Amino acid sequence: MKSLAVIAALALGAVAGHWAVADSHDAAAELAKLMQEMATCEICSSAMDHPQLMDTMKWETHKIDQGMLMVATVPQEHLKEFRALAKQWEASIEKVKKAGMRGDEVKLCSFCGDMGRLMQAGAKQQDVETANGSITLVTAADADIVKAIHALADKSIKLEKEMAQMAQAGTAN
């Protein structure tokens, strides 16, 4: 699975019923904007058909010395659906790459656009399927690219924290 899938799942999982109870209007507005972007993103939009999967998915992002590590896990009953959606995302990523090579206009959310720019700059991505999901490493040897990867990781970590707070507020009600 591509790391794009992790963030797509991260955002969809939070919004599937939880963002309306947010204590912070700014966080809710940021999530709503992200959802609008994702709905029209050539890569992320297919996740919109899997709200239950996205809602049960767990994720975490960590900065590491050479980039970031992202972990996605799903309940066993959703693993087959998760793997199928990951294949859809991979096919969409390949389609976007080909369209970009032809110079075609491609609509991407901010995360997918950032990931694409990182890959073009020389970042490397390694995906590992686990028994309950996947691990994605995005790394680089160049310090400037690592700094850009860390900036994207910081955005992801911030979003994860905001969504966890919203989910907790939703279960407290």
C-alpha atoms as a PDB file:
ATOM      1  CA  MET A   1       0.000   0.000   0.000  1.00  0.00           C
ATOM      2  CA  LYS A   2       1.219   3.471  -0.745  1.00  0.00           C
ATOM      3  CA  SER A   3       1.637   5.981   2.056  1.00  0.00           C
ATOM      4  CA  LEU A   4      -0.965   8.109   0.296  1.00  0.00           C
ATOM      5  CA  ALA A   5      -3.441   5.478   1.345  1.00  0.00           C
ATOM      6  CA  VAL A   6      -2.491   5.900   4.967  1.00  0.00           C
ATOM      7  CA  ILE A   7      -3.280   9.608   4.977  1.00  0.00           C
ATOM      8  CA  ALA A   8      -6.457   9.128   2.992  1.00  0.00           C
ATOM      9  CA  ALA A   9      -7.589   6.585   5.522  1.00  0.00           C
ATOM     10  CA  LEU A  10      -6.473   8.817   8.351  1.00  0.00           C
ATOM     11  CA  ALA A  11      -8.626  11.698   7.160  1.00  0.00           C
ATOM     12  CA  LEU A  12     -11.652   9.633   6.227  1.00  0.00           C
ATOM     13  CA  GLY A  13     -11.585   7.758   9.505  1.00  0.00           C
ATOM     14  CA  ALA A  14     -11.734  10.965  11.449  1.00  0.00           C
ATOM     15  CA  VAL A  15     -14.489  12.532   9.462  1.00  0.00           C
ATOM     16  CA  ALA A  16     -16.770   9.493   9.371  1.00  0.00           C
ATOM     17  CA  GLY A  17     -18.967  10.747  12.164  1.00  0.00           C
ATOM     18  CA  HIS A  18     -16.518  12.473  14.497  1.00  0.00           C
ATOM     19  CA  TRP A  19     -15.555  15.902  13.199  1.00  0.00           C
ATOM     20  CA  ALA A  20     -18.947  17.432  13.921  1.00  0.00           C
ATOM     21  CA  VAL A  21     -18.248  17.196  17.661  1.00  0.00           C
ATOM     22  CA  ALA A  22     -14.888  18.945  17.453  1.00  0.00           C
ATOM     23  CA  ASP A  23     -14.037  21.404  20.187  1.00  0.00           C
ATOM     24  CA  SER A  24     -11.981  23.409  17.712  1.00  0.00           C
ATOM     25  CA  HIS A  25     -13.753  25.002  14.765  1.00  0.00           C
ATOM     26  CA  ASP A  26     -10.366  25.443  13.091  1.00  0.00           C
ATOM     27  CA  ALA A  27      -9.623  21.708  13.250  1.00  0.00           C
ATOM     28  CA  ALA A  28     -13.094  20.852  11.945  1.00  0.00           C
ATOM     29  CA  ALA A  29     -12.725  23.381   9.130  1.00  0.00           C
ATOM     30  CA  GLU A  30      -9.301  21.974   8.252  1.00  0.00           C
ATOM     31  CA  LEU A  31     -10.709  18.451   8.121  1.00  0.00           C
ATOM     32  CA  ALA A  32     -13.689  19.557   6.038  1.00  0.00           C
ATOM     33  CA  LYS A  33     -11.309  21.216   3.563  1.00  0.00           C
ATOM     34  CA  LEU A  34      -9.189  18.060   3.423  1.00  0.00           C
ATOM     35  CA  MET A  35     -12.292  15.967   2.763  1.00  0.00           C
ATOM     36  CA  GLN A  36     -13.282  18.247  -0.111  1.00  0.00           C
ATOM     37  CA  GLU A  37      -9.789  17.906  -1.587  1.00  0.00           C
ATOM     38  CA  MET A  38      -9.839  14.140  -1.190  1.00  0.00           C
ATOM     39  CA  ALA A  39     -13.250  13.792  -2.841  1.00  0.00           C
ATOM     40  CA  THR A  40     -11.783  15.163  -6.081  1.00  0.00           C
ATOM     41  CA  CYS A  41      -8.274  13.711  -5.767  1.00  0.00           C
ATOM     42  CA  GLU A  42      -7.419  11.209  -8.498  1.00  0.00           C
ATOM     43  CA  ILE A  43      -5.890   8.930  -5.859  1.00  0.00           C
ATOM     44  CA  CYS A  44      -7.856   9.422  -2.646  1.00  0.00           C
ATOM     45  CA  SER A  45     -11.380   9.622  -4.039  1.00  0.00           C
ATOM     46  CA  SER A  46     -11.821   5.844  -4.190  1.00  0.00           C
ATOM     47  CA  ALA A  47     -11.601   5.731  -0.377  1.00  0.00           C
ATOM     48  CA  MET A  48     -14.912   7.585  -0.162  1.00  0.00           C
ATOM     49  CA  ASP A  49     -16.666   4.304  -1.033  1.00  0.00           C
ATOM     50  CA  HIS A  50     -15.251   2.625   2.116  1.00  0.00           C
ATOM     51  CA  PRO A  51     -16.316   4.733   5.120  1.00  0.00           C
ATOM     52  CA  GLN A  52     -16.626   1.800   7.543  1.00  0.00           C
ATOM     53  CA  LEU A  53     -13.122   0.593   6.696  1.00  0.00           C
ATOM     54  CA  MET A  54     -11.732   4.081   7.097  1.00  0.00           C
ATOM     55  CA  ASP A  55     -13.558   4.568  10.395  1.00  0.00           C
ATOM     56  CA  THR A  56     -12.060   1.391  11.903  1.00  0.00           C
ATOM     57  CA  MET A  57      -8.533   1.956  10.648  1.00  0.00           C
ATOM     58  CA  LYS A  58      -5.802   2.948  13.093  1.00  0.00           C
ATOM     59  CA  TRP A  59      -2.761   4.894  11.990  1.00  0.00           C
ATOM     60  CA  GLU A  60       0.338   6.564  13.295  1.00  0.00           C
ATOM     61  CA  THR A  61       3.144   8.592  11.773  1.00  0.00           C
ATOM     62  CA  HIS A  62       6.647   8.923  13.199  1.00  0.00           C
ATOM     63  CA  LYS A  63       9.607  11.027  12.130  1.00  0.00           C
ATOM     64  CA  ILE A  64      12.793   8.992  11.803  1.00  0.00           C
ATOM     65  CA  ASP A  65      16.341  10.155  11.132  1.00  0.00           C
ATOM     66  CA  GLN A  66      16.058   9.830   7.350  1.00  0.00           C
ATOM     67  CA  GLY A  67      12.339  10.592   6.890  1.00  0.00           C
ATOM     68  CA  MET A  68       9.104   9.142   8.229  1.00  0.00           C
ATOM     69  CA  LEU A  69       7.464   5.862   9.109  1.00  0.00           C
ATOM     70  CA  MET A  70       3.705   5.387   8.778  1.00  0.00           C
ATOM     71  CA  VAL A  71       1.774   2.464  10.240  1.00  0.00           C
ATOM     72  CA  ALA A  72      -1.791   1.529   9.278  1.00  0.00           C
ATOM     73  CA  THR A  73      -3.761  -1.261  10.939  1.00  0.00           C
ATOM     74  CA  VAL A  74      -7.284  -2.515  10.418  1.00  0.00           C
ATOM     75  CA  PRO A  75      -9.439  -5.079  12.195  1.00  0.00           C
ATOM     76  CA  GLN A  76      -9.032  -8.529  10.698  1.00  0.00           C
ATOM     77  CA  GLU A  77     -12.587  -8.458   9.290  1.00  0.00           C
ATOM     78  CA  HIS A  78     -11.625  -5.453   7.127  1.00  0.00           C
ATOM     79  CA  LEU A  79      -8.199  -6.669   5.986  1.00  0.00           C
ATOM     80  CA  LYS A  80      -9.372  -8.040   2.626  1.00  0.00           C
ATOM     81  CA  GLU A  81     -11.178  -4.775   1.840  1.00  0.00           C
ATOM     82  CA  PHE A  82      -8.084  -2.813   2.940  1.00  0.00           C
ATOM     83  CA  ARG A  83      -5.828  -4.801   0.596  1.00  0.00           C
ATOM     84  CA  ALA A  84      -8.266  -4.365  -2.312  1.00  0.00           C
ATOM     85  CA  LEU A  85      -8.470  -0.611  -1.731  1.00  0.00           C
ATOM     86  CA  ALA A  86      -4.678  -0.414  -1.530  1.00  0.00           C
ATOM     87  CA  LYS A  87      -4.495  -2.039  -4.978  1.00  0.00           C
ATOM     88  CA  GLN A  88      -6.960   0.563  -6.283  1.00  0.00           C
ATOM     89  CA  TRP A  89      -4.749   3.330  -4.919  1.00  0.00           C
ATOM     90  CA  GLU A  90      -1.651   1.805  -6.496  1.00  0.00           C
ATOM     91  CA  ALA A  91      -3.418   1.666  -9.870  1.00  0.00           C
ATOM     92  CA  SER A  92      -4.509   5.297  -9.459  1.00  0.00           C
ATOM     93  CA  ILE A  93      -0.954   6.341  -8.600  1.00  0.00           C
ATOM     94  CA  GLU A  94       0.344   4.693 -11.780  1.00  0.00           C
ATOM     95  CA  LYS A  95      -2.401   6.391 -13.812  1.00  0.00           C
ATOM     96  CA  VAL A  96      -1.465   9.778 -12.305  1.00  0.00           C
ATOM     97  CA  LYS A  97       2.233   9.202 -13.052  1.00  0.00           C
ATOM     98  CA  LYS A  98       1.450   8.436 -16.709  1.00  0.00           C
ATOM     99  CA  ALA A  99      -0.860  11.449 -16.998  1.00  0.00           C
ATOM    100  CA  GLY A 100       1.845  13.680 -15.516  1.00  0.00           C
ATOM    101  CA  MET A 101       4.414  12.351 -17.971  1.00  0.00           C
ATOM    102  CA  ARG A 102       2.054  13.281 -20.824  1.00  0.00           C
ATOM    103  CA  GLY A 103       1.604  16.745 -19.317  1.00  0.00           C
ATOM    104  CA  ASP A 104      -2.082  16.140 -18.566  1.00  0.00           C
ATOM    105  CA  GLU A 105      -3.737  18.135 -15.798  1.00  0.00           C
ATOM    106  CA  VAL A 106      -4.202  15.935 -12.722  1.00  0.00           C
ATOM    107  CA  LYS A 107      -6.264  16.872  -9.656  1.00  0.00           C
ATOM    108  CA  LEU A 108      -4.566  15.852  -6.393  1.00  0.00           C
ATOM    109  CA  CYS A 109      -5.170  16.666  -2.746  1.00  0.00           C
ATOM    110  CA  SER A 110      -2.407  18.549  -0.949  1.00  0.00           C
ATOM    111  CA  PHE A 111      -0.955  15.383   0.609  1.00  0.00           C
ATOM    112  CA  CYS A 112      -0.774  13.482  -2.677  1.00  0.00           C
ATOM    113  CA  GLY A 113       0.748  16.516  -4.360  1.00  0.00           C
ATOM    114  CA  ASP A 114       3.343  16.801  -1.587  1.00  0.00           C
ATOM    115  CA  MET A 115       4.166  13.089  -1.836  1.00  0.00           C
ATOM    116  CA  GLY A 116       4.537  13.360  -5.592  1.00  0.00           C
ATOM    117  CA  ARG A 117       6.933  16.282  -5.252  1.00  0.00           C
ATOM    118  CA  LEU A 118       8.957  14.360  -2.640  1.00  0.00           C
ATOM    119  CA  MET A 119       9.271  11.366  -4.960  1.00  0.00           C
ATOM    120  CA  GLN A 120      10.293  13.609  -7.872  1.00  0.00           C
ATOM    121  CA  ALA A 121      12.923  15.235  -5.632  1.00  0.00           C
ATOM    122  CA  GLY A 122      14.459  11.845  -4.864  1.00  0.00           C
ATOM    123  CA  ALA A 123      12.671  10.506  -1.781  1.00  0.00           C
ATOM    124  CA  LYS A 124      12.351   6.727  -1.651  1.00  0.00           C
ATOM    125  CA  GLN A 125       9.331   4.805  -0.469  1.00  0.00           C
ATOM    126  CA  GLN A 126       9.202   1.280   0.877  1.00  0.00           C
ATOM    127  CA  ASP A 127       5.912  -0.452   1.679  1.00  0.00           C
ATOM    128  CA  VAL A 128       5.619  -3.568   3.821  1.00  0.00           C
ATOM    129  CA  GLU A 129       2.399  -5.525   4.278  1.00  0.00           C
ATOM    130  CA  THR A 130       1.849  -6.660   7.854  1.00  0.00           C
ATOM    131  CA  ALA A 131      -0.583  -9.169   9.306  1.00  0.00           C
ATOM    132  CA  ASN A 132      -3.006  -6.336  10.133  1.00  0.00           C
ATOM    133  CA  GLY A 133      -2.193  -3.578   7.670  1.00  0.00           C
ATOM    134  CA  SER A 134       0.966  -1.957   6.389  1.00  0.00           C
ATOM    135  CA  ILE A 135       4.091   0.005   7.194  1.00  0.00           C
ATOM    136  CA  THR A 136       5.404   2.683   4.859  1.00  0.00           C
ATOM    137  CA  LEU A 137       8.861   4.219   5.043  1.00  0.00           C
ATOM    138  CA  VAL A 138       9.583   7.450   3.170  1.00  0.00           C
ATOM    139  CA  THR A 139      13.286   8.267   3.315  1.00  0.00           C
ATOM    140  CA  ALA A 140      16.033  10.272   1.661  1.00  0.00           C
ATOM    141  CA  ALA A 141      19.776  10.753   2.026  1.00  0.00           C
ATOM    142  CA  ASP A 142      19.645  14.454   1.091  1.00  0.00           C
ATOM    143  CA  ALA A 143      19.125  16.695   4.155  1.00  0.00           C
ATOM    144  CA  ASP A 144      16.794  19.097   2.315  1.00  0.00           C
ATOM    145  CA  ILE A 145      14.520  16.265   1.189  1.00  0.00           C
ATOM    146  CA  VAL A 146      14.536  14.796   4.715  1.00  0.00           C
ATOM    147  CA  LYS A 147      13.475  18.224   5.990  1.00  0.00           C
ATOM    148  CA  ALA A 148      10.559  18.226   3.517  1.00  0.00           C
ATOM    149  CA  ILE A 149       9.570  14.681   4.546  1.00  0.00           C
ATOM    150  CA  HIS A 150       9.655  15.776   8.195  1.00  0.00           C
ATOM    151  CA  ALA A 151       7.416  18.749   7.380  1.00  0.00           C
ATOM    152  CA  LEU A 152       4.859  16.406   5.817  1.00  0.00           C
ATOM    153  CA  ALA A 153       5.167  14.051   8.800  1.00  0.00           C
ATOM    154  CA  ASP A 154       4.541  16.992  11.150  1.00  0.00           C
ATOM    155  CA  LYS A 155       1.304  17.794   9.268  1.00  0.00           C
ATOM    156  CA  SER A 156       0.223  14.156   9.497  1.00  0.00           C
ATOM    157  CA  ILE A 157       1.045  13.896  13.203  1.00  0.00           C
ATOM    158  CA  LYS A 158      -0.865  17.111  13.917  1.00  0.00           C
ATOM    159  CA  LEU A 159      -3.884  15.839  12.009  1.00  0.00           C
ATOM    160  CA  GLU A 160      -3.730  12.482  13.824  1.00  0.00           C
ATOM    161  CA  LYS A 161      -3.733  14.248  17.213  1.00  0.00           C
ATOM    162  CA  GLU A 162      -6.648  16.486  16.252  1.00  0.00           C
ATOM    163  CA  MET A 163      -8.646  13.526  15.005  1.00  0.00           C
ATOM    164  CA  ALA A 164      -7.926  11.502  18.138  1.00  0.00           C
ATOM    165  CA  GLN A 165      -9.190  14.412  20.246  1.00  0.00           C
ATOM    166  CA  MET A 166     -12.331  14.663  18.122  1.00  0.00           C
ATOM    167  CA  ALA A 167     -12.942  10.932  18.332  1.00  0.00           C
ATOM    168  CA  GLN A 168     -12.486  11.024  22.099  1.00  0.00           C
ATOM    169  CA  ALA A 169     -14.908  13.945  22.367  1.00  0.00           C
ATOM    170  CA  GLY A 170     -17.369  11.968  20.254  1.00  0.00           C
ATOM    171  CA  THR A 171     -17.209   8.915  22.510  1.00  0.00           C
ATOM    172  CA  ALA A 172     -17.497  11.064  25.628  1.00  0.00           C
ATOM    173  CA  ASN A 173     -20.891  12.368  24.478  1.00  0.00           C
END
